[in-house]
Amino acid sequence: MSAGRETPRLAKLVCRLALCSRREADEWIENGWVSVDGKVVARLGARAHPNARIEIHPLASQHRSEAITIVFNQAQPTPAADELDERVLPGEIIRADNHWSEDRALRRFAPTHLRGLALAGKLAPDECGMLVFTQDGNTARQLVGRSSRWEKEYHVRFVGELDDQGLDRLQHGLTVDGIRLTRVQVSRLSEQQLRFVVHDNGRRQIQQMCELLALPLCEIKRVRIGSVPLGKLPPGKWRYLRRDERF
């Protein structure tokens, strides 16, 4: 058996000793609050012998670990949903160099903010706009799926013409293969742009509705989830969810 397998990660031993989360253990190590056999170890990923003397600085118990949530503006093209889960790791698109300079959350980026960060709500390959990454499992569960109670707002650009009769059909629901689509809120933003408000577009309902009206789409952009807007966040940039914001 290799030495790496014989010696567990220090963070795991800290979790057992202090009954804390892995994220908290990583933060304590990174802040220099953990020592092994009298020597401070501040390197994430460090290993320690199970019988080593591990001490945790009193400051660690006063430190309140807060789950991080991040809003990212995905520019087109968006990877396919399954590719986004399997191929793109949060650390590949959430980096210090593309953190929005006008972020008002007043947080400083730290590697621990990527620990356990998960995508909460995919975009289809032909969609762009707002993505949410979070360390908070409860937030993730509330944002994902048809049972989500949070509204998702999309701005849709199309080519061609849509008369009032067509808009009325979009507003009052359509039928696909004998199944009536869920009714959604639809309104005009301009002659070539519509606003859709849904609870879930996981089955591409917006696209299906527009296809039924032979309405070619050139952009589908998610601009809001719940009460949190994408706002002025530029494409390819991200920001922290502020403490005063709630979905």
C-alpha atoms as a PDB file:
ATOM      1  CA  MET A   1       0.000   0.000   0.000  1.00  0.00           C
ATOM      2  CA  SER A   2       1.333   3.438  -0.918  1.00  0.00           C
ATOM      3  CA  ALA A   3       2.221   6.030   1.717  1.00  0.00           C
ATOM      4  CA  GLY A   4      -0.534   8.320   0.356  1.00  0.00           C
ATOM      5  CA  ARG A   5      -3.167   5.712   1.101  1.00  0.00           C
ATOM      6  CA  GLU A   6      -1.761   4.951   4.553  1.00  0.00           C
ATOM      7  CA  THR A   7      -1.871   8.561   5.718  1.00  0.00           C
ATOM      8  CA  PRO A   8      -5.265  10.302   5.524  1.00  0.00           C
ATOM      9  CA  ARG A   9      -5.677  13.928   4.608  1.00  0.00           C
ATOM     10  CA  LEU A  10      -5.233  16.333   7.491  1.00  0.00           C
ATOM     11  CA  ALA A  11      -8.614  17.935   6.787  1.00  0.00           C
ATOM     12  CA  LYS A  12     -10.329  14.580   7.337  1.00  0.00           C
ATOM     13  CA  LEU A  13      -8.622  14.158  10.726  1.00  0.00           C
ATOM     14  CA  VAL A  14      -9.569  17.718  11.699  1.00  0.00           C
ATOM     15  CA  CYS A  15     -13.211  16.978  10.804  1.00  0.00           C
ATOM     16  CA  ARG A  16     -13.202  13.928  13.091  1.00  0.00           C
ATOM     17  CA  LEU A  17     -11.486  15.769  15.919  1.00  0.00           C
ATOM     18  CA  ALA A  18     -13.578  18.951  15.856  1.00  0.00           C
ATOM     19  CA  LEU A  19     -16.818  17.571  14.350  1.00  0.00           C
ATOM     20  CA  CYS A  20     -16.697  20.278  11.704  1.00  0.00           C
ATOM     21  CA  SER A  21     -17.441  20.305   7.966  1.00  0.00           C
ATOM     22  CA  ARG A  22     -14.763  19.682   5.349  1.00  0.00           C
ATOM     23  CA  ARG A  23     -15.076  23.276   4.204  1.00  0.00           C
ATOM     24  CA  GLU A  24     -14.437  24.541   7.742  1.00  0.00           C
ATOM     25  CA  ALA A  25     -11.450  22.218   8.135  1.00  0.00           C
ATOM     26  CA  ASP A  26      -9.933  23.518   4.894  1.00  0.00           C
ATOM     27  CA  GLU A  27     -10.437  27.117   6.024  1.00  0.00           C
ATOM     28  CA  TRP A  28      -8.817  26.427   9.400  1.00  0.00           C
ATOM     29  CA  ILE A  29      -5.807  24.822   7.732  1.00  0.00           C
ATOM     30  CA  GLU A  30      -5.464  27.633   5.211  1.00  0.00           C
ATOM     31  CA  ASN A  31      -5.650  30.236   7.995  1.00  0.00           C
ATOM     32  CA  GLY A  32      -2.818  28.534   9.896  1.00  0.00           C
ATOM     33  CA  TRP A  33      -4.973  27.415  12.801  1.00  0.00           C
ATOM     34  CA  VAL A  34      -4.012  23.740  12.675  1.00  0.00           C
ATOM     35  CA  SER A  35      -0.743  22.239  13.912  1.00  0.00           C
ATOM     36  CA  VAL A  36       0.567  18.693  13.644  1.00  0.00           C
ATOM     37  CA  ASP A  37       2.993  17.539  16.316  1.00  0.00           C
ATOM     38  CA  GLY A  38       3.609  21.156  17.269  1.00  0.00           C
ATOM     39  CA  LYS A  39       4.186  22.445  13.716  1.00  0.00           C
ATOM     40  CA  VAL A  40       1.657  24.644  11.910  1.00  0.00           C
ATOM     41  CA  VAL A  41       0.482  23.089   8.637  1.00  0.00           C
ATOM     42  CA  ALA A  42      -1.183  25.592   6.288  1.00  0.00           C
ATOM     43  CA  ARG A  43      -1.087  23.599   3.054  1.00  0.00           C
ATOM     44  CA  LEU A  44      -4.380  22.319   1.689  1.00  0.00           C
ATOM     45  CA  GLY A  45      -4.188  18.647   0.791  1.00  0.00           C
ATOM     46  CA  ALA A  46      -1.568  17.933   3.443  1.00  0.00           C
ATOM     47  CA  ARG A  47      -1.614  14.488   5.040  1.00  0.00           C
ATOM     48  CA  ALA A  48      -0.948  13.433   8.601  1.00  0.00           C
ATOM     49  CA  HIS A  49      -0.445  10.188  10.455  1.00  0.00           C
ATOM     50  CA  PRO A  50      -3.601   9.043  12.279  1.00  0.00           C
ATOM     51  CA  ASN A  51      -1.665   9.010  15.568  1.00  0.00           C
ATOM     52  CA  ALA A  52      -0.196  12.491  15.123  1.00  0.00           C
ATOM     53  CA  ARG A  53      -0.928  15.139  17.772  1.00  0.00           C
ATOM     54  CA  ILE A  54      -3.312  17.554  16.074  1.00  0.00           C
ATOM     55  CA  GLU A  55      -4.075  20.874  17.755  1.00  0.00           C
ATOM     56  CA  ILE A  56      -6.562  23.511  16.659  1.00  0.00           C
ATOM     57  CA  HIS A  57      -6.086  27.170  17.552  1.00  0.00           C
ATOM     58  CA  PRO A  58      -8.885  28.716  19.675  1.00  0.00           C
ATOM     59  CA  LEU A  59      -9.543  31.248  16.905  1.00  0.00           C
ATOM     60  CA  ALA A  60     -10.957  28.414  14.803  1.00  0.00           C
ATOM     61  CA  SER A  61     -13.889  27.918  17.167  1.00  0.00           C
ATOM     62  CA  GLN A  62     -14.762  31.610  16.832  1.00  0.00           C
ATOM     63  CA  HIS A  63     -14.654  31.452  13.051  1.00  0.00           C
ATOM     64  CA  ARG A  64     -18.051  31.151  11.422  1.00  0.00           C
ATOM     65  CA  SER A  65     -17.863  29.358   8.104  1.00  0.00           C
ATOM     66  CA  GLU A  66     -20.351  30.768   5.628  1.00  0.00           C
ATOM     67  CA  ALA A  67     -21.573  28.917   2.562  1.00  0.00           C
ATOM     68  CA  ILE A  68     -20.595  30.710  -0.633  1.00  0.00           C
ATOM     69  CA  THR A  69     -23.002  31.313  -3.520  1.00  0.00           C
ATOM     70  CA  ILE A  70     -21.802  32.717  -6.848  1.00  0.00           C
ATOM     71  CA  VAL A  71     -23.672  34.252  -9.794  1.00  0.00           C
ATOM     72  CA  PHE A  72     -22.009  33.747 -13.196  1.00  0.00           C
ATOM     73  CA  ASN A  73     -22.982  35.234 -16.569  1.00  0.00           C
ATOM     74  CA  GLN A  74     -22.529  32.475 -19.134  1.00  0.00           C
ATOM     75  CA  ALA A  75     -21.941  33.773 -22.639  1.00  0.00           C
ATOM     76  CA  GLN A  76     -22.943  31.724 -25.671  1.00  0.00           C
ATOM     77  CA  PRO A  77     -22.281  29.067 -26.649  1.00  0.00           C
ATOM     78  CA  THR A  78     -23.212  27.101 -23.532  1.00  0.00           C
ATOM     79  CA  PRO A  79     -21.889  23.524 -23.258  1.00  0.00           C
ATOM     80  CA  ALA A  80     -24.554  20.835 -23.337  1.00  0.00           C
ATOM     81  CA  ALA A  81     -26.067  20.188 -19.914  1.00  0.00           C
ATOM     82  CA  ASP A  82     -24.409  16.803 -19.452  1.00  0.00           C
ATOM     83  CA  GLU A  83     -21.066  18.212 -20.612  1.00  0.00           C
ATOM     84  CA  LEU A  84     -21.364  21.076 -18.124  1.00  0.00           C
ATOM     85  CA  ASP A  85     -21.708  18.582 -15.287  1.00  0.00           C
ATOM     86  CA  GLU A  86     -19.029  16.157 -16.444  1.00  0.00           C
ATOM     87  CA  ARG A  87     -16.467  18.312 -18.231  1.00  0.00           C
ATOM     88  CA  VAL A  88     -16.497  21.790 -16.700  1.00  0.00           C
ATOM     89  CA  LEU A  89     -15.438  22.122 -13.070  1.00  0.00           C
ATOM     90  CA  PRO A  90     -16.413  25.290 -11.153  1.00  0.00           C
ATOM     91  CA  GLY A  91     -12.729  26.102 -10.718  1.00  0.00           C
ATOM     92  CA  GLU A  92     -12.304  26.296 -14.486  1.00  0.00           C
ATOM     93  CA  ILE A  93     -14.754  29.167 -14.923  1.00  0.00           C
ATOM     94  CA  ILE A  94     -14.789  30.702 -11.399  1.00  0.00           C
ATOM     95  CA  ARG A  95     -11.321  32.214 -11.123  1.00  0.00           C
ATOM     96  CA  ALA A  96      -9.720  35.262  -9.559  1.00  0.00           C
ATOM     97  CA  ASP A  97      -9.007  36.772 -12.987  1.00  0.00           C
ATOM     98  CA  ASN A  98     -12.652  36.877 -14.114  1.00  0.00           C
ATOM     99  CA  HIS A  99     -14.124  38.094 -10.823  1.00  0.00           C
ATOM    100  CA  TRP A 100     -16.231  41.186 -11.639  1.00  0.00           C
ATOM    101  CA  SER A 101     -14.349  44.304 -10.534  1.00  0.00           C
ATOM    102  CA  GLU A 102     -17.612  46.003  -9.513  1.00  0.00           C
ATOM    103  CA  ASP A 103     -18.736  43.187  -7.200  1.00  0.00           C
ATOM    104  CA  ARG A 104     -20.332  44.873  -4.170  1.00  0.00           C
ATOM    105  CA  ALA A 105     -20.190  41.791  -1.940  1.00  0.00           C
ATOM    106  CA  LEU A 106     -16.821  42.988  -0.564  1.00  0.00           C
ATOM    107  CA  ARG A 107     -15.379  39.483  -0.464  1.00  0.00           C
ATOM    108  CA  ARG A 108     -11.861  38.493  -1.332  1.00  0.00           C
ATOM    109  CA  PHE A 109     -11.518  35.409  -3.491  1.00  0.00           C
ATOM    110  CA  ALA A 110     -10.049  32.378  -1.715  1.00  0.00           C
ATOM    111  CA  PRO A 111      -9.482  28.809  -2.998  1.00  0.00           C
ATOM    112  CA  THR A 112     -11.741  27.473  -0.233  1.00  0.00           C
ATOM    113  CA  HIS A 113     -14.676  29.201  -1.942  1.00  0.00           C
ATOM    114  CA  LEU A 114     -14.467  26.485  -4.606  1.00  0.00           C
ATOM    115  CA  ARG A 115     -14.705  23.623  -2.106  1.00  0.00           C
ATOM    116  CA  GLY A 116     -17.987  21.782  -2.625  1.00  0.00           C
ATOM    117  CA  LEU A 117     -19.199  24.421  -5.091  1.00  0.00           C
ATOM    118  CA  ALA A 118     -21.952  22.909  -7.240  1.00  0.00           C
ATOM    119  CA  LEU A 119     -24.019  24.090 -10.193  1.00  0.00           C
ATOM    120  CA  ALA A 120     -27.640  24.765  -9.227  1.00  0.00           C
ATOM    121  CA  GLY A 121     -29.719  24.928 -12.397  1.00  0.00           C
ATOM    122  CA  LYS A 122     -28.409  24.187 -15.882  1.00  0.00           C
ATOM    123  CA  LEU A 123     -28.748  26.073 -19.131  1.00  0.00           C
ATOM    124  CA  ALA A 124     -29.608  24.347 -22.401  1.00  0.00           C
ATOM    125  CA  PRO A 125     -27.002  24.457 -25.213  1.00  0.00           C
ATOM    126  CA  ASP A 126     -28.850  27.311 -26.944  1.00  0.00           C
ATOM    127  CA  GLU A 127     -29.237  29.389 -23.757  1.00  0.00           C
ATOM    128  CA  CYS A 128     -26.980  31.921 -22.083  1.00  0.00           C
ATOM    129  CA  GLY A 129     -27.096  34.148 -19.030  1.00  0.00           C
ATOM    130  CA  MET A 130     -27.399  33.463 -15.344  1.00  0.00           C
ATOM    131  CA  LEU A 131     -25.868  30.421 -13.683  1.00  0.00           C
ATOM    132  CA  VAL A 132     -25.688  29.871  -9.931  1.00  0.00           C
ATOM    133  CA  PHE A 133     -22.970  27.915  -8.133  1.00  0.00           C
ATOM    134  CA  THR A 134     -23.350  27.281  -4.407  1.00  0.00           C
ATOM    135  CA  GLN A 135     -21.841  25.455  -1.444  1.00  0.00           C
ATOM    136  CA  ASP A 136     -25.256  25.483   0.242  1.00  0.00           C
ATOM    137  CA  GLY A 137     -27.138  22.245  -0.407  1.00  0.00           C
ATOM    138  CA  ASN A 138     -30.438  23.758   0.711  1.00  0.00           C
ATOM    139  CA  THR A 139     -30.099  26.612  -1.793  1.00  0.00           C
ATOM    140  CA  ALA A 140     -29.250  24.152  -4.558  1.00  0.00           C
ATOM    141  CA  ARG A 141     -32.318  22.022  -3.831  1.00  0.00           C
ATOM    142  CA  GLN A 142     -34.596  25.077  -3.869  1.00  0.00           C
ATOM    143  CA  LEU A 143     -33.319  26.248  -7.251  1.00  0.00           C
ATOM    144  CA  VAL A 144     -33.388  22.993  -9.198  1.00  0.00           C
ATOM    145  CA  GLY A 145     -36.228  21.118 -10.875  1.00  0.00           C
ATOM    146  CA  ARG A 146     -39.900  21.504 -11.644  1.00  0.00           C
ATOM    147  CA  SER A 147     -40.747  21.617  -7.938  1.00  0.00           C
ATOM    148  CA  SER A 148     -38.689  24.790  -7.493  1.00  0.00           C
ATOM    149  CA  ARG A 149     -40.773  27.668  -6.202  1.00  0.00           C
ATOM    150  CA  TRP A 150     -38.418  30.314  -7.575  1.00  0.00           C
ATOM    151  CA  GLU A 151     -39.259  32.070 -10.823  1.00  0.00           C
ATOM    152  CA  LYS A 152     -36.772  32.098 -13.687  1.00  0.00           C
ATOM    153  CA  GLU A 153     -36.966  35.029 -16.082  1.00  0.00           C
ATOM    154  CA  TYR A 154     -35.741  34.713 -19.669  1.00  0.00           C
ATOM    155  CA  HIS A 155     -35.398  37.373 -22.339  1.00  0.00           C
ATOM    156  CA  VAL A 156     -35.910  35.876 -25.794  1.00  0.00           C
ATOM    157  CA  ARG A 157     -34.902  37.504 -29.097  1.00  0.00           C
ATOM    158  CA  PHE A 158     -36.528  36.279 -32.285  1.00  0.00           C
ATOM    159  CA  VAL A 159     -36.622  37.047 -35.989  1.00  0.00           C
ATOM    160  CA  GLY A 160     -39.781  37.572 -37.967  1.00  0.00           C
ATOM    161  CA  GLU A 161     -43.078  38.926 -36.711  1.00  0.00           C
ATOM    162  CA  LEU A 162     -45.359  38.052 -33.819  1.00  0.00           C
ATOM    163  CA  ASP A 163     -48.849  39.513 -33.917  1.00  0.00           C
ATOM    164  CA  ASP A 164     -51.201  39.952 -30.967  1.00  0.00           C
ATOM    165  CA  GLN A 165     -52.958  36.673 -31.732  1.00  0.00           C
ATOM    166  CA  GLY A 166     -49.637  34.798 -31.546  1.00  0.00           C
ATOM    167  CA  LEU A 167     -48.762  36.507 -28.279  1.00  0.00           C
ATOM    168  CA  ASP A 168     -52.170  35.528 -26.896  1.00  0.00           C
ATOM    169  CA  ARG A 169     -51.492  31.883 -27.784  1.00  0.00           C
ATOM    170  CA  LEU A 170     -48.145  32.010 -25.954  1.00  0.00           C
ATOM    171  CA  GLN A 171     -49.779  33.567 -22.898  1.00  0.00           C
ATOM    172  CA  HIS A 172     -52.588  31.039 -22.612  1.00  0.00           C
ATOM    173  CA  GLY A 173     -50.702  27.819 -23.144  1.00  0.00           C
ATOM    174  CA  LEU A 174     -50.061  25.490 -26.065  1.00  0.00           C
ATOM    175  CA  THR A 175     -50.273  21.748 -26.681  1.00  0.00           C
ATOM    176  CA  VAL A 176     -47.447  19.421 -27.771  1.00  0.00           C
ATOM    177  CA  ASP A 177     -48.305  15.828 -28.777  1.00  0.00           C
ATOM    178  CA  GLY A 178     -51.666  16.145 -27.062  1.00  0.00           C
ATOM    179  CA  ILE A 179     -50.120  17.359 -23.806  1.00  0.00           C
ATOM    180  CA  ARG A 180     -50.888  20.891 -22.686  1.00  0.00           C
ATOM    181  CA  LEU A 181     -47.780  22.840 -21.791  1.00  0.00           C
ATOM    182  CA  THR A 182     -47.554  24.523 -18.417  1.00  0.00           C
ATOM    183  CA  ARG A 183     -48.896  28.042 -18.578  1.00  0.00           C
ATOM    184  CA  VAL A 184     -46.184  30.689 -18.258  1.00  0.00           C
ATOM    185  CA  GLN A 185     -46.039  34.478 -18.134  1.00  0.00           C
ATOM    186  CA  VAL A 186     -45.200  36.027 -21.507  1.00  0.00           C
ATOM    187  CA  SER A 187     -44.977  39.731 -22.357  1.00  0.00           C
ATOM    188  CA  ARG A 188     -43.359  41.941 -24.960  1.00  0.00           C
ATOM    189  CA  LEU A 189     -40.117  43.787 -24.299  1.00  0.00           C
ATOM    190  CA  SER A 190     -39.872  45.107 -27.850  1.00  0.00           C
ATOM    191  CA  GLU A 191     -40.922  44.180 -31.380  1.00  0.00           C
ATOM    192  CA  GLN A 192     -38.237  41.472 -31.509  1.00  0.00           C
ATOM    193  CA  GLN A 193     -37.926  40.495 -27.846  1.00  0.00           C
ATOM    194  CA  LEU A 194     -40.162  38.670 -25.377  1.00  0.00           C
ATOM    195  CA  ARG A 195     -40.040  38.160 -21.630  1.00  0.00           C
ATOM    196  CA  PHE A 196     -40.857  34.671 -20.304  1.00  0.00           C
ATOM    197  CA  VAL A 197     -41.262  33.844 -16.607  1.00  0.00           C
ATOM    198  CA  VAL A 198     -41.261  30.133 -15.745  1.00  0.00           C
ATOM    199  CA  HIS A 199     -40.436  27.943 -12.764  1.00  0.00           C
ATOM    200  CA  ASP A 200     -38.430  25.487 -14.838  1.00  0.00           C
ATOM    201  CA  ASN A 201     -37.296  25.384 -18.457  1.00  0.00           C
ATOM    202  CA  GLY A 202     -35.545  22.047 -18.085  1.00  0.00           C
ATOM    203  CA  ARG A 203     -37.704  20.526 -20.833  1.00  0.00           C
ATOM    204  CA  ARG A 204     -37.069  23.514 -23.103  1.00  0.00           C
ATOM    205  CA  GLN A 205     -40.678  24.631 -22.897  1.00  0.00           C
ATOM    206  CA  ILE A 206     -39.862  28.140 -24.113  1.00  0.00           C
ATOM    207  CA  GLN A 207     -38.201  26.723 -27.219  1.00  0.00           C
ATOM    208  CA  GLN A 208     -41.127  24.356 -27.831  1.00  0.00           C
ATOM    209  CA  MET A 209     -43.644  27.179 -27.556  1.00  0.00           C
ATOM    210  CA  CYS A 210     -41.775  29.315 -30.056  1.00  0.00           C
ATOM    211  CA  GLU A 211     -41.356  26.378 -32.456  1.00  0.00           C
ATOM    212  CA  LEU A 212     -45.135  25.847 -32.444  1.00  0.00           C
ATOM    213  CA  LEU A 213     -45.565  29.414 -33.658  1.00  0.00           C
ATOM    214  CA  ALA A 214     -42.746  29.020 -36.236  1.00  0.00           C
ATOM    215  CA  LEU A 215     -40.864  31.763 -34.426  1.00  0.00           C
ATOM    216  CA  PRO A 216     -37.085  31.458 -35.069  1.00  0.00           C
ATOM    217  CA  LEU A 217     -35.020  32.304 -31.981  1.00  0.00           C
ATOM    218  CA  CYS A 218     -31.631  34.006 -31.999  1.00  0.00           C
ATOM    219  CA  GLU A 219     -31.040  34.346 -28.236  1.00  0.00           C
ATOM    220  CA  ILE A 220     -32.478  32.918 -25.012  1.00  0.00           C
ATOM    221  CA  LYS A 221     -30.956  34.594 -21.970  1.00  0.00           C
ATOM    222  CA  ARG A 222     -31.773  33.874 -18.324  1.00  0.00           C
ATOM    223  CA  VAL A 223     -31.695  37.218 -16.494  1.00  0.00           C
ATOM    224  CA  ARG A 224     -33.212  36.473 -13.080  1.00  0.00           C
ATOM    225  CA  ILE A 225     -33.737  33.651 -10.588  1.00  0.00           C
ATOM    226  CA  GLY A 226     -36.151  34.418  -7.772  1.00  0.00           C
ATOM    227  CA  SER A 227     -35.430  37.955  -6.613  1.00  0.00           C
ATOM    228  CA  VAL A 228     -31.771  37.905  -7.705  1.00  0.00           C
ATOM    229  CA  PRO A 229     -31.158  39.553 -11.113  1.00  0.00           C
ATOM    230  CA  LEU A 230     -28.221  39.105 -13.441  1.00  0.00           C
ATOM    231  CA  GLY A 231     -28.108  42.891 -13.619  1.00  0.00           C
ATOM    232  CA  LYS A 232     -25.034  44.524 -15.147  1.00  0.00           C
ATOM    233  CA  LEU A 233     -22.770  41.515 -14.637  1.00  0.00           C
ATOM    234  CA  PRO A 234     -20.797  41.227 -17.921  1.00  0.00           C
ATOM    235  CA  PRO A 235     -20.650  37.960 -19.908  1.00  0.00           C
ATOM    236  CA  GLY A 236     -17.883  35.673 -18.681  1.00  0.00           C
ATOM    237  CA  LYS A 237     -17.716  37.395 -15.274  1.00  0.00           C
ATOM    238  CA  TRP A 238     -18.947  36.307 -11.835  1.00  0.00           C
ATOM    239  CA  ARG A 239     -19.818  37.852  -8.518  1.00  0.00           C
ATOM    240  CA  TYR A 240     -20.632  36.714  -4.997  1.00  0.00           C
ATOM    241  CA  LEU A 241     -24.212  36.637  -3.760  1.00  0.00           C
ATOM    242  CA  ARG A 242     -24.361  39.463  -1.231  1.00  0.00           C
ATOM    243  CA  ARG A 243     -25.385  38.854   2.365  1.00  0.00           C
ATOM    244  CA  ASP A 244     -28.460  41.039   1.868  1.00  0.00           C
ATOM    245  CA  GLU A 245     -29.635  39.041  -1.187  1.00  0.00           C
ATOM    246  CA  ARG A 246     -32.072  36.132  -1.042  1.00  0.00           C
ATOM    247  CA  PHE A 247     -33.493  34.114  -3.895  1.00  0.00           C
END
